[in-house]
Protein backbone atom coordinates (compact mmCIF):
# COMPACT_ATOMS: atom_id res chain seq x y z
CA MET A 1 -7.34 -8.18 -4.24
CA LEU A 2 -5.66 -5.15 -5.71
CA THR A 3 -2.89 -5.29 -8.27
CA ASN A 4 0.55 -4.06 -7.21
CA ASP A 5 0.02 -0.81 -9.15
CA GLN A 6 -3.38 -0.26 -7.54
CA LEU A 7 -1.97 -0.92 -4.07
CA TRP A 8 0.98 1.41 -4.60
CA ALA A 9 -1.38 4.14 -5.81
CA ARG A 10 -3.29 3.75 -2.53
CA VAL A 11 -0.07 3.89 -0.51
CA GLN A 12 0.94 7.08 -2.31
CA THR A 13 -2.29 8.77 -1.13
CA LEU A 14 -0.92 8.47 2.42
CA ASP A 15 1.95 10.87 1.63
CA GLY A 16 1.93 13.59 4.31
CA GLN A 17 -0.51 11.72 6.56
CA THR A 18 0.07 10.25 10.01
CA ILE A 19 -0.45 6.52 10.47
CA TYR A 20 -0.55 4.74 13.82
CA THR A 21 0.96 1.41 14.83
CA ILE A 22 -1.71 -1.08 15.81
CA ASP A 23 -0.84 -2.02 19.35
CA GLN A 24 0.82 1.04 20.83
CA ARG A 25 -0.87 3.61 18.58
CA ARG A 26 2.44 5.39 17.96
CA PRO A 27 2.15 8.15 15.37
CA ASN A 28 4.29 7.95 12.25
CA ARG A 29 4.09 10.71 9.66
CA ILE A 30 4.73 9.60 6.11
CA SER A 31 7.03 12.17 4.58
CA SER A 32 7.46 10.62 1.14
CA THR A 33 6.36 7.73 -1.04
CA ALA A 34 8.91 8.43 -3.77
CA ASN A 35 11.70 6.17 -5.01
CA ASN A 36 9.69 2.98 -4.40
CA GLN A 37 9.80 3.30 -0.63
CA VAL A 38 7.85 4.91 2.18
CA GLU A 39 9.84 7.38 4.27
CA ILE A 40 8.71 8.13 7.81
CA ASP A 41 9.65 11.37 9.60
CA ASN A 42 12.42 10.90 12.17
CA ARG A 43 12.74 7.15 11.55
CA ASN A 44 15.24 4.98 9.75
CA THR A 45 12.44 2.57 8.88
CA ARG A 46 11.76 2.73 5.14
CA PRO A 47 9.47 -0.03 3.92
CA THR A 48 9.98 -0.69 0.25
CA ARG A 49 7.29 -1.07 -2.33
CA ASP A 50 8.24 -4.75 -2.73
CA GLN A 51 8.03 -5.40 1.02
CA ILE A 52 4.54 -3.87 1.11
CA PHE A 53 3.48 -6.01 -1.86
CA GLU A 54 4.88 -9.17 -0.23
CA ALA A 55 3.04 -8.46 3.02
CA TYR A 56 -0.20 -7.81 1.11
CA GLU A 57 0.17 -11.07 -0.79
CA LEU A 58 0.88 -12.97 2.44
CA LEU A 59 -2.20 -11.39 4.00
CA HIS A 60 -4.35 -12.63 1.14
CA ARG A 61 -2.74 -16.05 1.21
CA ASP A 62 -2.98 -16.61 4.99
CA GLY A 63 -5.94 -14.37 5.94
CA SER A 64 -4.01 -12.57 8.70
CA ILE A 65 -0.50 -11.43 9.48
CA CYS A 66 1.38 -10.44 12.59
CA LEU A 67 5.00 -10.40 13.66
CA CYS A 68 4.99 -14.07 14.69
CA ASN A 69 4.04 -15.48 11.27
CA MET A 70 6.11 -13.23 9.04
CA PRO A 71 9.52 -13.60 7.39
CA ASP A 72 12.51 -12.33 9.40
CA TRP A 73 12.78 -9.12 7.37
CA PHE A 74 9.28 -8.19 8.49
CA SER A 75 10.20 -7.83 12.16
CA ASN A 76 13.57 -6.16 11.57
CA ASN A 77 13.79 -2.40 12.19
CA ARG A 78 10.09 -2.28 13.07
CA VAL A 79 9.27 -2.42 9.37
CA GLY A 80 6.52 -4.98 9.97
CA ARG A 81 4.60 -2.75 12.37
CA ILE A 82 4.83 0.13 9.90
CA ILE A 83 3.74 -2.03 6.95
CA MET A 84 0.71 -3.31 8.88
CA ALA A 85 -0.24 0.29 9.69
CA ILE A 86 0.25 1.32 6.04
CA LEU A 87 -1.92 -1.53 4.76
CA GLY A 88 -4.60 -0.81 7.35
CA GLN A 89 -4.83 2.78 6.11
CA ALA A 90 -4.35 2.07 2.41
CA VAL A 91 -7.04 -0.62 2.08
CA PRO A 92 -9.40 -0.19 5.05
CA GLU A 93 -12.26 -1.82 3.15
CA GLU A 94 -10.28 -5.10 3.11
CA ILE A 95 -8.44 -5.05 6.43
CA GLU A 96 -9.25 -4.91 10.11
CA THR A 97 -6.73 -4.73 12.91
CA PHE A 98 -6.51 -6.85 16.02
CA ASN A 99 -4.48 -6.32 19.15
CA ARG A 100 -2.64 -8.89 21.20
CA LEU A 101 -5.56 -9.29 23.61
CA ASN A 102 -7.96 -10.51 20.91
CA SER A 103 -5.43 -12.13 18.59
CA PRO A 104 -6.80 -15.10 16.66
CA LEU A 105 -3.28 -16.49 16.55
CA LEU A 106 -1.49 -18.44 19.26
CA CYS A 107 1.41 -15.99 19.37
CA HIS A 108 -0.68 -13.19 20.93
CA HIS A 109 0.73 -10.36 18.82
CA SER A 110 -1.20 -7.54 17.25
CA GLY A 111 -1.74 -7.67 13.51
CA ILE A 112 -4.13 -7.30 10.60
CA ARG A 113 -6.61 -9.66 9.00
CA LEU A 114 -8.93 -9.69 6.03
CA ILE A 115 -12.47 -8.61 6.78
CA GLN A 116 -14.83 -11.56 6.43
CA HIS A 117 -17.80 -10.71 4.21
């Protein structure tokens, strides 16, 4: 598991790149990772550094995350979908995605899980 500083350094490498939501594969270009938040072109969604850290910690605690097993803030303003896409790109060696058709969870939502080694 990465430290918060290590994770944020990885997130900052995504500046200027396009990330894709897991289920619908919608493109989202990261325009800035300044001011402790991730700004996405043409979107009001701005995940904060702390939200990304909390999601990463929950992922390591629970082994997987999706919209059905996250705090309320995670599903508001689509921030959860963006954070899952960010984590999937920032730490691909740790994380694999799953879609609602092969969800290991009863809620049948797409999400991310730790890769089992």
